[in-house]
PDB file of N, CA and C in Angstrom:
ATOM      1  N   MET A   1      64.200 -52.888  81.841  1.00  0.00           N
ATOM      2  CA  MET A   1      64.015 -52.137  83.159  1.00  0.00           C
ATOM      3  C   MET A   1      64.669 -50.735  83.011  1.00  0.00           C
ATOM      4  N   ASN A   2      63.867 -49.761  83.465  1.00  0.00           N
ATOM      5  CA  ASN A   2      64.333 -48.381  83.406  1.00  0.00           C
ATOM      6  C   ASN A   2      64.953 -47.966  84.712  1.00  0.00           C
ATOM      7  N   THR A   3      66.312 -48.045  84.818  1.00  0.00           N
ATOM      8  CA  THR A   3      66.894 -47.779  86.114  1.00  0.00           C
ATOM      9  C   THR A   3      66.845 -46.352  86.531  1.00  0.00           C
ATOM     10  N   GLU A   4      66.821 -45.412  85.620  1.00  0.00           N
ATOM     11  CA  GLU A   4      66.621 -43.965  86.007  1.00  0.00           C
ATOM     12  C   GLU A   4      65.333 -43.790  86.642  1.00  0.00           C
ATOM     13  N   LYS A   5      64.230 -44.390  86.100  1.00  0.00           N
ATOM     14  CA  LYS A   5      62.912 -44.273  86.599  1.00  0.00           C
ATOM     15  C   LYS A   5      62.790 -44.970  88.038  1.00  0.00           C
ATOM     16  N   ASP A   6      63.465 -46.163  88.057  1.00  0.00           N
ATOM     17  CA  ASP A   6      63.486 -46.870  89.324  1.00  0.00           C
ATOM     18  C   ASP A   6      64.187 -46.129  90.436  1.00  0.00           C
ATOM     19  N   THR A   7      65.276 -45.493  90.065  1.00  0.00           N
ATOM     20  CA  THR A   7      66.136 -44.682  91.026  1.00  0.00           C
ATOM     21  C   THR A   7      65.219 -43.471  91.512  1.00  0.00           C
ATOM     22  N   ALA A   8      64.544 -42.828  90.652  1.00  0.00           N
ATOM     23  CA  ALA A   8      63.661 -41.706  91.003  1.00  0.00           C
ATOM     24  C   ALA A   8      62.529 -42.190  91.964  1.00  0.00           C
ATOM     25  N   ALA A   9      62.019 -43.360  91.635  1.00  0.00           N
ATOM     26  CA  ALA A   9      60.909 -43.869  92.485  1.00  0.00           C
ATOM     27  C   ALA A   9      61.506 -44.262  93.869  1.00  0.00           C
ATOM     28  N   PHE A  10      62.701 -44.781  93.972  1.00  0.00           N
ATOM     29  CA  PHE A  10      63.306 -45.120  95.215  1.00  0.00           C
ATOM     30  C   PHE A  10      63.521 -43.880  96.041  1.00  0.00           C
ATOM     31  N   TYR A  11      64.105 -42.821  95.463  1.00  0.00           N
ATOM     32  CA  TYR A  11      64.303 -41.585  96.165  1.00  0.00           C
ATOM     33  C   TYR A  11      63.015 -40.963  96.646  1.00  0.00           C
ATOM     34  N   LYS A  12      61.992 -41.066  95.827  1.00  0.00           N
ATOM     35  CA  LYS A  12      60.645 -40.488  96.242  1.00  0.00           C
ATOM     36  C   LYS A  12      60.074 -41.302  97.436  1.00  0.00           C
ATOM     37  N   ARG A  13      60.228 -42.650  97.388  1.00  0.00           N
ATOM     38  CA  ARG A  13      59.717 -43.371  98.550  1.00  0.00           C
ATOM     39  C   ARG A  13      60.539 -43.146  99.870  1.00  0.00           C
ATOM     40  N   LEU A  14      61.923 -43.013  99.709  1.00  0.00           N
ATOM     41  CA  LEU A  14      62.712 -42.709 100.769  1.00  0.00           C
ATOM     42  C   LEU A  14      62.464 -41.298 101.390  1.00  0.00           C
ATOM     43  N   THR A  15      62.168 -40.359 100.621  1.00  0.00           N
ATOM     44  CA  THR A  15      61.911 -39.044 101.026  1.00  0.00           C
ATOM     45  C   THR A  15      60.550 -39.035 101.812  1.00  0.00           C
ATOM     46  N   GLU A  16      59.539 -39.745 101.322  1.00  0.00           N
ATOM     47  CA  GLU A  16      58.323 -39.782 102.006  1.00  0.00           C
ATOM     48  C   GLU A  16      58.475 -40.512 103.350  1.00  0.00           C
ATOM     49  N   SER A  17      59.209 -41.620 103.370  1.00  0.00           N
ATOM     50  CA  SER A  17      59.501 -42.317 104.598  1.00  0.00           C
ATOM     51  C   SER A  17      60.195 -41.438 105.651  1.00  0.00           C
ATOM     52  N   LEU A  18      61.149 -40.727 105.192  1.00  0.00           N
ATOM     53  CA  LEU A  18      61.917 -39.888 106.094  1.00  0.00           C
ATOM     54  C   LEU A  18      61.078 -38.719 106.641  1.00  0.00           C
ATOM     55  N   LYS A  19      60.192 -38.210 105.757  1.00  0.00           N
ATOM     56  CA  LYS A  19      59.308 -37.139 106.294  1.00  0.00           C
ATOM     57  C   LYS A  19      58.348 -37.630 107.273  1.00  0.00           C
ATOM     58  N   ASN A  20      57.786 -38.834 107.080  1.00  0.00           N
ATOM     59  CA  ASN A  20      56.775 -39.393 108.001  1.00  0.00           C
ATOM     60  C   ASN A  20      57.378 -40.005 109.241  1.00  0.00           C
ATOM     61  N   ASP A  21      58.542 -40.430 109.238  1.00  0.00           N
ATOM     62  CA  ASP A  21      59.107 -41.123 110.356  1.00  0.00           C
ATOM     63  C   ASP A  21      60.058 -40.387 111.259  1.00  0.00           C
ATOM     64  N   THR A  22      60.487 -39.177 110.890  1.00  0.00           N
ATOM     65  CA  THR A  22      61.498 -38.494 111.551  1.00  0.00           C
ATOM     66  C   THR A  22      61.246 -37.028 111.715  1.00  0.00           C
ATOM     67  N   SER A  23      61.605 -36.539 112.874  1.00  0.00           N
ATOM     68  CA  SER A  23      61.525 -35.056 113.100  1.00  0.00           C
ATOM     69  C   SER A  23      62.861 -34.463 112.718  1.00  0.00           C
ATOM     70  N   TRP A  24      62.795 -33.416 111.873  1.00  0.00           N
ATOM     71  CA  TRP A  24      64.006 -32.866 111.290  1.00  0.00           C
ATOM     72  C   TRP A  24      64.359 -31.487 111.914  1.00  0.00           C
ATOM     73  N   PRO A  25      65.620 -31.180 112.128  1.00  0.00           N
ATOM     74  CA  PRO A  25      66.835 -31.881 111.853  1.00  0.00           C
ATOM     75  C   PRO A  25      66.982 -33.193 112.689  1.00  0.00           C
ATOM     76  N   ALA A  26      67.745 -34.065 112.171  1.00  0.00           N
ATOM     77  CA  ALA A  26      67.904 -35.384 112.920  1.00  0.00           C
ATOM     78  C   ALA A  26      69.299 -36.016 112.548  1.00  0.00           C
ATOM     79  N   ALA A  27      69.727 -36.854 113.405  1.00  0.00           N
ATOM     80  CA  ALA A  27      70.925 -37.691 113.108  1.00  0.00           C
ATOM     81  C   ALA A  27      70.495 -38.749 112.092  1.00  0.00           C
ATOM     82  N   TYR A  28      71.348 -38.975 111.094  1.00  0.00           N
ATOM     83  CA  TYR A  28      71.123 -39.971 110.036  1.00  0.00           C
ATOM     84  C   TYR A  28      72.391 -40.824 109.909  1.00  0.00           C
ATOM     85  N   LEU A  29      72.247 -42.147 109.781  1.00  0.00           N
ATOM     86  CA  LEU A  29      73.259 -43.075 109.581  1.00  0.00           C
ATOM     87  C   LEU A  29      73.324 -43.622 108.207  1.00  0.00           C
ATOM     88  N   TYR A  30      74.358 -43.234 107.428  1.00  0.00           N
ATOM     89  CA  TYR A  30      74.614 -43.735 106.137  1.00  0.00           C
ATOM     90  C   TYR A  30      75.533 -44.960 106.246  1.00  0.00           C
ATOM     91  N   LYS A  31      75.370 -45.892 105.371  1.00  0.00           N
ATOM     92  CA  LYS A  31      76.295 -47.029 105.310  1.00  0.00           C
ATOM     93  C   LYS A  31      76.584 -47.366 103.885  1.00  0.00           C
ATOM     94  N   PHE A  32      77.843 -47.476 103.591  1.00  0.00           N
ATOM     95  CA  PHE A  32      78.278 -47.766 102.194  1.00  0.00           C
ATOM     96  C   PHE A  32      79.341 -48.885 102.273  1.00  0.00           C
ATOM     97  N   ILE A  33      79.416 -49.516 101.153  1.00  0.00           N
ATOM     98  CA  ILE A  33      80.538 -50.535 100.907  1.00  0.00           C
ATOM     99  C   ILE A  33      81.240 -50.030  99.646  1.00  0.00           C
ATOM    100  N   VAL A  34      82.584 -49.932  99.720  1.00  0.00           N
ATOM    101  CA  VAL A  34      83.360 -49.531  98.594  1.00  0.00           C
ATOM    102  C   VAL A  34      84.578 -50.402  98.372  1.00  0.00           C
ATOM    103  N   PRO A  35      85.037 -50.448  97.161  1.00  0.00           N
ATOM    104  CA  PRO A  35      86.292 -51.179  97.026  1.00  0.00           C
ATOM    105  C   PRO A  35      87.400 -50.549  97.855  1.00  0.00           C
ATOM    106  N   SER A  36      88.277 -51.371  98.506  1.00  0.00           N
ATOM    107  CA  SER A  36      89.275 -50.932  99.488  1.00  0.00           C
ATOM    108  C   SER A  36      90.445 -50.213  98.750  1.00  0.00           C
ATOM    109  N   THR A  37      90.217 -49.074  98.213  1.00  0.00           N
ATOM    110  CA  THR A  37      91.283 -48.255  97.706  1.00  0.00           C
ATOM    111  C   THR A  37      91.197 -46.925  98.417  1.00  0.00           C
ATOM    112  N   LYS A  38      92.374 -46.334  98.652  1.00  0.00           N
ATOM    113  CA  LYS A  38      92.524 -45.012  99.337  1.00  0.00           C
ATOM    114  C   LYS A  38      91.654 -43.964  98.576  1.00  0.00           C
ATOM    115  N   GLU A  39      91.642 -44.046  97.254  1.00  0.00           N
ATOM    116  CA  GLU A  39      90.918 -43.013  96.473  1.00  0.00           C
ATOM    117  C   GLU A  39      89.462 -43.138  96.675  1.00  0.00           C
ATOM    118  N   LYS A  40      88.867 -44.314  96.645  1.00  0.00           N
ATOM    119  CA  LYS A  40      87.437 -44.477  96.786  1.00  0.00           C
ATOM    120  C   LYS A  40      87.010 -44.019  98.208  1.00  0.00           C
ATOM    121  N   ILE A  41      87.791 -44.500  99.217  1.00  0.00           N
ATOM    122  CA  ILE A  41      87.402 -44.113 100.585  1.00  0.00           C
ATOM    123  C   ILE A  41      87.468 -42.533 100.717  1.00  0.00           C
ATOM    124  N   ALA A  42      88.494 -41.961 100.177  1.00  0.00           N
ATOM    125  CA  ALA A  42      88.619 -40.516 100.211  1.00  0.00           C
ATOM    126  C   ALA A  42      87.487 -39.758  99.506  1.00  0.00           C
ATOM    127  N   GLU A  43      87.027 -40.329  98.394  1.00  0.00           N
ATOM    128  CA  GLU A  43      85.925 -39.713  97.667  1.00  0.00           C
ATOM    129  C   GLU A  43      84.608 -39.660  98.517  1.00  0.00           C
ATOM    130  N   ILE A  44      84.323 -40.774  99.220  1.00  0.00           N
ATOM    131  CA  ILE A  44      83.235 -40.827 100.089  1.00  0.00           C
ATOM    132  C   ILE A  44      83.369 -39.783 101.214  1.00  0.00           C
ATOM    133  N   LYS A  45      84.542 -39.870 101.894  1.00  0.00           N
ATOM    134  CA  LYS A  45      84.709 -38.935 103.005  1.00  0.00           C
ATOM    135  C   LYS A  45      84.619 -37.495 102.588  1.00  0.00           C
ATOM    136  N   ALA A  46      85.091 -37.125 101.450  1.00  0.00           N
ATOM    137  CA  ALA A  46      85.064 -35.775 100.929  1.00  0.00           C
ATOM    138  C   ALA A  46      83.695 -35.232 100.805  1.00  0.00           C
ATOM    139  N   ILE A  47      82.787 -36.081 100.436  1.00  0.00           N
ATOM    140  CA  ILE A  47      81.336 -35.745 100.298  1.00  0.00           C
ATOM    141  C   ILE A  47      80.769 -35.241 101.574  1.00  0.00           C
ATOM    142  N   PHE A  48      81.306 -35.774 102.656  1.00  0.00           N
ATOM    143  CA  PHE A  48      80.808 -35.417 103.990  1.00  0.00           C
ATOM    144  C   PHE A  48      81.762 -34.449 104.764  1.00  0.00           C
ATOM    145  N   ASN A  49      82.751 -33.883 104.107  1.00  0.00           N
ATOM    146  CA  ASN A  49      83.726 -32.998 104.769  1.00  0.00           C
ATOM    147  C   ASN A  49      83.051 -31.778 105.559  1.00  0.00           C
ATOM    148  N   ASP A  50      82.026 -31.282 104.973  1.00  0.00           N
ATOM    149  CA  ASP A  50      81.417 -30.008 105.513  1.00  0.00           C
ATOM    150  C   ASP A  50      80.341 -30.313 106.533  1.00  0.00           C
ATOM    151  N   THR A  51      80.272 -31.505 107.098  1.00  0.00           N
ATOM    152  CA  THR A  51      79.106 -31.883 107.926  1.00  0.00           C
ATOM    153  C   THR A  51      79.461 -32.203 109.370  1.00  0.00           C
ATOM    154  N   ASN A  52      80.678 -32.193 109.805  1.00  0.00           N
ATOM    155  CA  ASN A  52      81.012 -32.668 111.165  1.00  0.00           C
ATOM    156  C   ASN A  52      80.544 -34.070 111.434  1.00  0.00           C
ATOM    157  N   ALA A  53      80.564 -34.906 110.384  1.00  0.00           N
ATOM    158  CA  ALA A  53      80.188 -36.309 110.543  1.00  0.00           C
ATOM    159  C   ALA A  53      81.163 -37.092 111.301  1.00  0.00           C
ATOM    160  N   LEU A  54      80.629 -38.199 111.960  1.00  0.00           N
ATOM    161  CA  LEU A  54      81.446 -39.206 112.586  1.00  0.00           C
ATOM    162  C   LEU A  54      81.568 -40.326 111.595  1.00  0.00           C
ATOM    163  N   ILE A  55      82.751 -40.529 111.077  1.00  0.00           N
ATOM    164  CA  ILE A  55      82.948 -41.552 109.970  1.00  0.00           C
ATOM    165  C   ILE A  55      83.799 -42.656 110.488  1.00  0.00           C
ATOM    166  N   THR A  56      83.285 -43.882 110.377  1.00  0.00           N
ATOM    167  CA  THR A  56      84.047 -45.057 110.778  1.00  0.00           C
ATOM    168  C   THR A  56      84.099 -45.995 109.623  1.00  0.00           C
ATOM    169  N   SER A  57      85.236 -46.759 109.547  1.00  0.00           N
ATOM    170  CA  SER A  57      85.402 -47.716 108.476  1.00  0.00           C
ATOM    171  C   SER A  57      85.976 -48.980 108.932  1.00  0.00           C
ATOM    172  N   ARG A  58      85.673 -50.042 108.240  1.00  0.00           N
ATOM    173  CA  ARG A  58      86.140 -51.377 108.601  1.00  0.00           C
ATOM    174  C   ARG A  58      86.401 -52.160 107.290  1.00  0.00           C
ATOM    175  N   ASP A  59      87.576 -52.822 107.175  1.00  0.00           N
ATOM    176  CA  ASP A  59      87.872 -53.633 106.026  1.00  0.00           C
ATOM    177  C   ASP A  59      87.184 -54.996 106.065  1.00  0.00           C
ATOM    178  N   SER A  60      86.917 -55.536 105.003  1.00  0.00           N
ATOM    179  CA  SER A  60      86.320 -56.898 104.896  1.00  0.00           C
ATOM    180  C   SER A  60      87.453 -57.827 105.265  1.00  0.00           C
ATOM    181  N   SER A  61      87.102 -59.111 105.512  1.00  0.00           N
ATOM    182  CA  SER A  61      88.057 -60.084 106.010  1.00  0.00           C
ATOM    183  C   SER A  61      89.116 -60.299 104.952  1.00  0.00           C
ATOM    184  N   LYS A  62      88.947 -60.211 103.720  1.00  0.00           N
ATOM    185  CA  LYS A  62      89.951 -60.378 102.650  1.00  0.00           C
ATOM    186  C   LYS A  62      90.601 -59.072 102.321  1.00  0.00           C
ATOM    187  N   GLY A  63      90.093 -57.922 102.838  1.00  0.00           N
ATOM    188  CA  GLY A  63      90.613 -56.649 102.526  1.00  0.00           C
ATOM    189  C   GLY A  63      90.227 -56.126 101.178  1.00  0.00           C
ATOM    190  N   THR A  64      89.243 -56.768 100.507  1.00  0.00           N
ATOM    191  CA  THR A  64      88.855 -56.293  99.160  1.00  0.00           C
ATOM    192  C   THR A  64      87.913 -55.071  99.246  1.00  0.00           C
ATOM    193  N   TYR A  65      87.070 -55.059 100.235  1.00  0.00           N
ATOM    194  CA  TYR A  65      86.084 -53.971 100.365  1.00  0.00           C
ATOM    195  C   TYR A  65      86.230 -53.341 101.723  1.00  0.00           C
ATOM    196  N   THR A  66      85.665 -52.099 101.778  1.00  0.00           N
ATOM    197  CA  THR A  66      85.612 -51.355 103.030  1.00  0.00           C
ATOM    198  C   THR A  66      84.208 -50.958 103.358  1.00  0.00           C
ATOM    199  N   SER A  67      83.777 -51.232 104.539  1.00  0.00           N
ATOM    200  CA  SER A  67      82.475 -50.671 104.966  1.00  0.00           C
ATOM    201  C   SER A  67      82.686 -49.391 105.646  1.00  0.00           C
ATOM    202  N   ILE A  68      81.880 -48.394 105.238  1.00  0.00           N
ATOM    203  CA  ILE A  68      81.953 -47.009 105.763  1.00  0.00           C
ATOM    204  C   ILE A  68      80.615 -46.603 106.403  1.00  0.00           C
ATOM    205  N   SER A  69      80.649 -46.241 107.655  1.00  0.00           N
ATOM    206  CA  SER A  69      79.481 -45.840 108.397  1.00  0.00           C
ATOM    207  C   SER A  69      79.579 -44.326 108.673  1.00  0.00           C
ATOM    208  N   ILE A  70      78.601 -43.578 108.298  1.00  0.00           N
ATOM    209  CA  ILE A  70      78.710 -42.093 108.557  1.00  0.00           C
ATOM    210  C   ILE A  70      77.454 -41.631 109.335  1.00  0.00           C
ATOM    211  N   ASN A  71      77.714 -41.199 110.579  1.00  0.00           N
ATOM    212  CA  ASN A  71      76.629 -40.651 111.431  1.00  0.00           C
ATOM    213  C   ASN A  71      76.763 -39.162 111.410  1.00  0.00           C
ATOM    214  N   VAL A  72      75.665 -38.555 110.958  1.00  0.00           N
ATOM    215  CA  VAL A  72      75.692 -37.137 110.695  1.00  0.00           C
ATOM    216  C   VAL A  72      74.369 -36.434 110.976  1.00  0.00           C
ATOM    217  N   MET A  73      74.393 -35.255 111.425  1.00  0.00           N
ATOM    218  CA  MET A  73      73.133 -34.467 111.680  1.00  0.00           C
ATOM    219  C   MET A  73      72.710 -33.897 110.293  1.00  0.00           C
ATOM    220  N   MET A  74      71.514 -34.221 109.923  1.00  0.00           N
ATOM    221  CA  MET A  74      71.019 -33.646 108.605  1.00  0.00           C
ATOM    222  C   MET A  74      69.846 -32.775 108.831  1.00  0.00           C
ATOM    223  N   LYS A  75      69.670 -31.728 107.979  1.00  0.00           N
ATOM    224  CA  LYS A  75      68.655 -30.725 108.168  1.00  0.00           C
ATOM    225  C   LYS A  75      67.241 -31.158 107.727  1.00  0.00           C
ATOM    226  N   SER A  76      67.205 -32.045 106.645  1.00  0.00           N
ATOM    227  CA  SER A  76      65.950 -32.419 106.015  1.00  0.00           C
ATOM    228  C   SER A  76      66.087 -33.741 105.210  1.00  0.00           C
ATOM    229  N   PRO A  77      64.952 -34.368 104.806  1.00  0.00           N
ATOM    230  CA  PRO A  77      64.990 -35.485 103.922  1.00  0.00           C
ATOM    231  C   PRO A  77      65.705 -35.166 102.618  1.00  0.00           C
ATOM    232  N   ALA A  78      65.502 -33.906 102.067  1.00  0.00           N
ATOM    233  CA  ALA A  78      66.161 -33.552 100.808  1.00  0.00           C
ATOM    234  C   ALA A  78      67.660 -33.545 101.002  1.00  0.00           C
ATOM    235  N   ALA A  79      68.184 -33.095 102.218  1.00  0.00           N
ATOM    236  CA  ALA A  79      69.627 -33.125 102.419  1.00  0.00           C
ATOM    237  C   ALA A  79      70.183 -34.506 102.384  1.00  0.00           C
ATOM    238  N   VAL A  80      69.404 -35.398 102.938  1.00  0.00           N
ATOM    239  CA  VAL A  80      69.828 -36.835 103.037  1.00  0.00           C
ATOM    240  C   VAL A  80      69.872 -37.359 101.626  1.00  0.00           C
ATOM    241  N   ILE A  81      68.920 -37.146 100.842  1.00  0.00           N
ATOM    242  CA  ILE A  81      68.892 -37.552  99.423  1.00  0.00           C
ATOM    243  C   ILE A  81      70.034 -36.985  98.664  1.00  0.00           C
ATOM    244  N   GLU A  82      70.304 -35.704  98.838  1.00  0.00           N
ATOM    245  CA  GLU A  82      71.348 -34.993  98.131  1.00  0.00           C
ATOM    246  C   GLU A  82      72.695 -35.710  98.372  1.00  0.00           C
ATOM    247  N   LYS A  83      72.972 -36.128  99.598  1.00  0.00           N
ATOM    248  CA  LYS A  83      74.206 -36.846  99.849  1.00  0.00           C
ATOM    249  C   LYS A  83      74.294 -38.177  99.143  1.00  0.00           C
ATOM    250  N   TYR A  84      73.103 -38.930  99.204  1.00  0.00           N
ATOM    251  CA  TYR A  84      73.036 -40.237  98.503  1.00  0.00           C
ATOM    252  C   TYR A  84      73.386 -39.978  97.021  1.00  0.00           C
ATOM    253  N   LYS A  85      72.837 -39.034  96.393  1.00  0.00           N
ATOM    254  CA  LYS A  85      73.056 -38.777  94.976  1.00  0.00           C
ATOM    255  C   LYS A  85      74.489 -38.550  94.670  1.00  0.00           C
ATOM    256  N   LYS A  86      75.208 -37.730  95.507  1.00  0.00           N
ATOM    257  CA  LYS A  86      76.620 -37.476  95.346  1.00  0.00           C
ATOM    258  C   LYS A  86      77.396 -38.731  95.479  1.00  0.00           C
ATOM    259  N   VAL A  87      77.086 -39.535  96.503  1.00  0.00           N
ATOM    260  CA  VAL A  87      77.870 -40.835  96.680  1.00  0.00           C
ATOM    261  C   VAL A  87      77.589 -41.781  95.609  1.00  0.00           C
ATOM    262  N   SER A  88      76.387 -41.798  95.033  1.00  0.00           N
ATOM    263  CA  SER A  88      76.127 -42.759  93.911  1.00  0.00           C
ATOM    264  C   SER A  88      77.001 -42.498  92.698  1.00  0.00           C
ATOM    265  N   LYS A  89      77.648 -41.402  92.558  1.00  0.00           N
ATOM    266  CA  LYS A  89      78.553 -41.074  91.449  1.00  0.00           C
ATOM    267  C   LYS A  89      79.870 -41.714  91.617  1.00  0.00           C
ATOM    268  N   VAL A  90      80.214 -42.189  92.849  1.00  0.00           N
ATOM    269  CA  VAL A  90      81.498 -42.807  93.110  1.00  0.00           C
ATOM    270  C   VAL A  90      81.397 -44.234  92.515  1.00  0.00           C
ATOM    271  N   GLU A  91      82.282 -44.555  91.615  1.00  0.00           N
ATOM    272  CA  GLU A  91      82.231 -45.849  90.993  1.00  0.00           C
ATOM    273  C   GLU A  91      82.541 -46.979  91.926  1.00  0.00           C
ATOM    274  N   GLY A  92      81.620 -47.986  91.893  1.00  0.00           N
ATOM    275  CA  GLY A  92      81.733 -49.255  92.722  1.00  0.00           C
ATOM    276  C   GLY A  92      81.183 -49.143  94.056  1.00  0.00           C
ATOM    277  N   VAL A  93      80.517 -48.064  94.501  1.00  0.00           N
ATOM    278  CA  VAL A  93      79.931 -47.875  95.792  1.00  0.00           C
ATOM    279  C   VAL A  93      78.581 -48.619  95.858  1.00  0.00           C
ATOM    280  N   ILE A  94      78.333 -49.206  96.964  1.00  0.00           N
ATOM    281  CA  ILE A  94      77.059 -49.868  97.312  1.00  0.00           C
ATOM    282  C   ILE A  94      76.514 -49.125  98.517  1.00  0.00           C
ATOM    283  N   SER A  95      75.267 -48.598  98.376  1.00  0.00           N
ATOM    284  CA  SER A  95      74.609 -47.923  99.461  1.00  0.00           C
ATOM    285  C   SER A  95      73.719 -49.006 100.178  1.00  0.00           C
ATOM    286  N   LEU A  96      73.804 -48.989 101.473  1.00  0.00           N
ATOM    287  CA  LEU A  96      73.035 -49.946 102.292  1.00  0.00           C
ATOM    288  C   LEU A  96      71.835 -49.175 102.947  1.00  0.00           C
TER     289      LEU A  96
END
């Protein structure tokens, strides 16, 4: 399985879906799950520092993972994808 090719296909489908289903600029809700370390949570938050995003987080019942929801106004589907690509570089992150 070629994950780089699969990732490119995923982003292409997401871009098309966002173009067809939403009028831009628009509010977009990102959801991520990260290991519950201050460093990982800070990395995710830093990616959205320049956006006036509303960021909420909640720890899992055992405290192993943290769910992060980010509600932010985005200019275009390309801007949405750009943030996903930056977040994907954070080790251990799961995008929902």
